[in-house]
Amino acid sequence: MVRELGCTVDEGLVTYNVNQAHEREPKRVQDMNVIKAVKDFLAGLTIQKKCLEEQDQLLAEAYYQLGLAYQSNCKHEDAFSLSTQSIDTIEKGLDVLTE
């Protein structure tokens, strides 16, 4: 018996279990997308840190988006830390504007 994506093949008969496929697969795909998003955001953040000033709004947005990706992956401490970095970056930008 072979089982893939909610499809069971047994002695030439094929049956589809749509409910199981729906319950299982999207979660795995979503988890993989979150992991890929975290990797992509980390790569982008590394580049942005080299190219942008420390108070740049784009850098704050990158911290924020990476924090959301970590939160989606249940890494709440990392998400909180990145949210704090985002706020700190925005505050630096405000300080530059008020000088």
Protein backbone atom coordinates (compact mmCIF):
# COMPACT_ATOMS: atom_id res chain seq x y z
CA MET A 1 0.00 0.00 0.00
CA VAL A 2 1.33 3.44 -0.98
CA ARG A 3 0.00 6.63 0.54
CA GLU A 4 0.66 10.10 -0.88
CA LEU A 5 -1.20 13.36 -0.52
CA GLY A 6 -4.40 11.73 0.65
CA CYS A 7 -4.36 9.11 -2.08
CA THR A 8 -4.26 5.43 -1.16
CA VAL A 9 -3.28 2.86 -3.77
CA ASP A 10 -4.06 -0.74 -2.78
CA GLU A 11 -4.01 -3.60 -5.29
CA GLY A 12 -4.84 -1.37 -8.23
CA LEU A 13 -7.65 0.51 -6.49
CA VAL A 14 -7.25 4.22 -5.95
CA THR A 15 -9.22 6.13 -3.31
CA TYR A 16 -8.79 9.71 -2.26
CA ASN A 17 -9.13 10.88 1.28
CA VAL A 18 -9.64 14.59 0.73
CA ASN A 19 -10.11 15.43 4.42
CA GLN A 20 -6.78 13.97 5.47
CA ALA A 21 -4.96 15.64 2.60
CA HIS A 22 -6.56 18.96 3.49
CA GLU A 23 -5.74 18.64 7.19
CA ARG A 24 -2.12 17.56 6.80
CA GLU A 25 -0.54 19.04 3.71
CA PRO A 26 -1.30 22.75 4.05
CA LYS A 27 0.29 22.79 7.50
CA ARG A 28 3.52 21.27 6.18
CA VAL A 29 3.57 23.64 3.22
CA GLN A 30 2.87 26.58 5.52
CA ASP A 31 5.67 25.50 7.88
CA MET A 32 8.09 25.24 4.97
CA ASN A 33 7.01 28.67 3.73
CA VAL A 34 7.63 30.21 7.16
CA ILE A 35 11.08 28.63 7.38
CA LYS A 36 11.90 29.88 3.87
CA ALA A 37 10.54 33.33 4.75
CA VAL A 38 12.78 33.51 7.83
CA LYS A 39 15.83 32.56 5.76
CA ASP A 40 14.93 35.11 3.08
CA PHE A 41 14.32 37.88 5.63
CA LEU A 42 17.61 37.10 7.39
CA ALA A 43 19.50 37.30 4.09
CA GLY A 44 17.76 40.57 3.21
CA LEU A 45 18.39 42.01 6.66
CA THR A 46 22.11 41.21 6.39
CA ILE A 47 22.29 43.12 3.10
CA GLN A 48 20.21 46.03 4.40
CA LYS A 49 22.41 46.42 7.49
CA LYS A 50 25.42 46.83 5.20
CA CYS A 51 23.75 49.25 2.80
CA LEU A 52 21.39 51.38 4.88
CA GLU A 53 21.84 53.83 7.70
CA GLU A 54 20.95 52.48 11.11
CA GLN A 55 17.84 54.69 11.35
CA ASP A 56 16.43 53.84 7.90
CA GLN A 57 12.72 53.02 7.77
CA LEU A 58 13.40 50.06 5.45
CA LEU A 59 15.61 48.51 8.10
CA ALA A 60 12.86 48.95 10.70
CA GLU A 61 10.41 47.28 8.32
CA ALA A 62 12.80 44.37 7.78
CA TYR A 63 13.09 43.82 11.54
CA TYR A 64 9.31 43.96 11.83
CA GLN A 65 8.67 41.50 8.99
CA LEU A 66 11.29 39.08 10.29
CA GLY A 67 9.66 39.31 13.71
CA LEU A 68 6.30 38.39 12.17
CA ALA A 69 7.88 35.39 10.47
CA TYR A 70 9.40 34.25 13.78
CA GLN A 71 6.06 34.73 15.51
CA SER A 72 4.38 32.55 12.87
CA ASN A 73 6.98 29.91 13.68
CA CYS A 74 6.20 30.18 17.44
CA LYS A 75 9.57 31.75 18.25
CA HIS A 76 8.05 34.44 20.40
CA GLU A 77 11.22 35.61 22.19
CA ASP A 78 12.98 36.17 18.86
CA ALA A 79 9.87 37.92 17.52
CA PHE A 80 9.77 40.23 20.55
CA SER A 81 13.47 41.04 20.21
CA LEU A 82 13.05 41.93 16.53
CA SER A 83 10.00 44.06 17.28
CA THR A 84 12.09 45.94 19.83
CA GLN A 85 14.85 46.44 17.25
CA SER A 86 12.26 47.77 14.81
CA ILE A 87 11.02 50.29 17.37
CA ASP A 88 14.59 51.30 18.26
CA THR A 89 15.34 51.88 14.57
CA ILE A 90 12.25 54.08 14.18
CA GLU A 91 13.21 56.05 17.30
CA LYS A 92 16.69 56.62 15.86
CA GLY A 93 15.05 57.95 12.70
CA LEU A 94 12.89 60.31 14.75
CA ASP A 95 15.96 61.54 16.63
CA VAL A 96 17.67 62.34 13.31
CA LEU A 97 14.61 64.26 12.13
CA THR A 98 14.37 66.33 15.31
CA GLU A 99 18.05 67.31 15.39
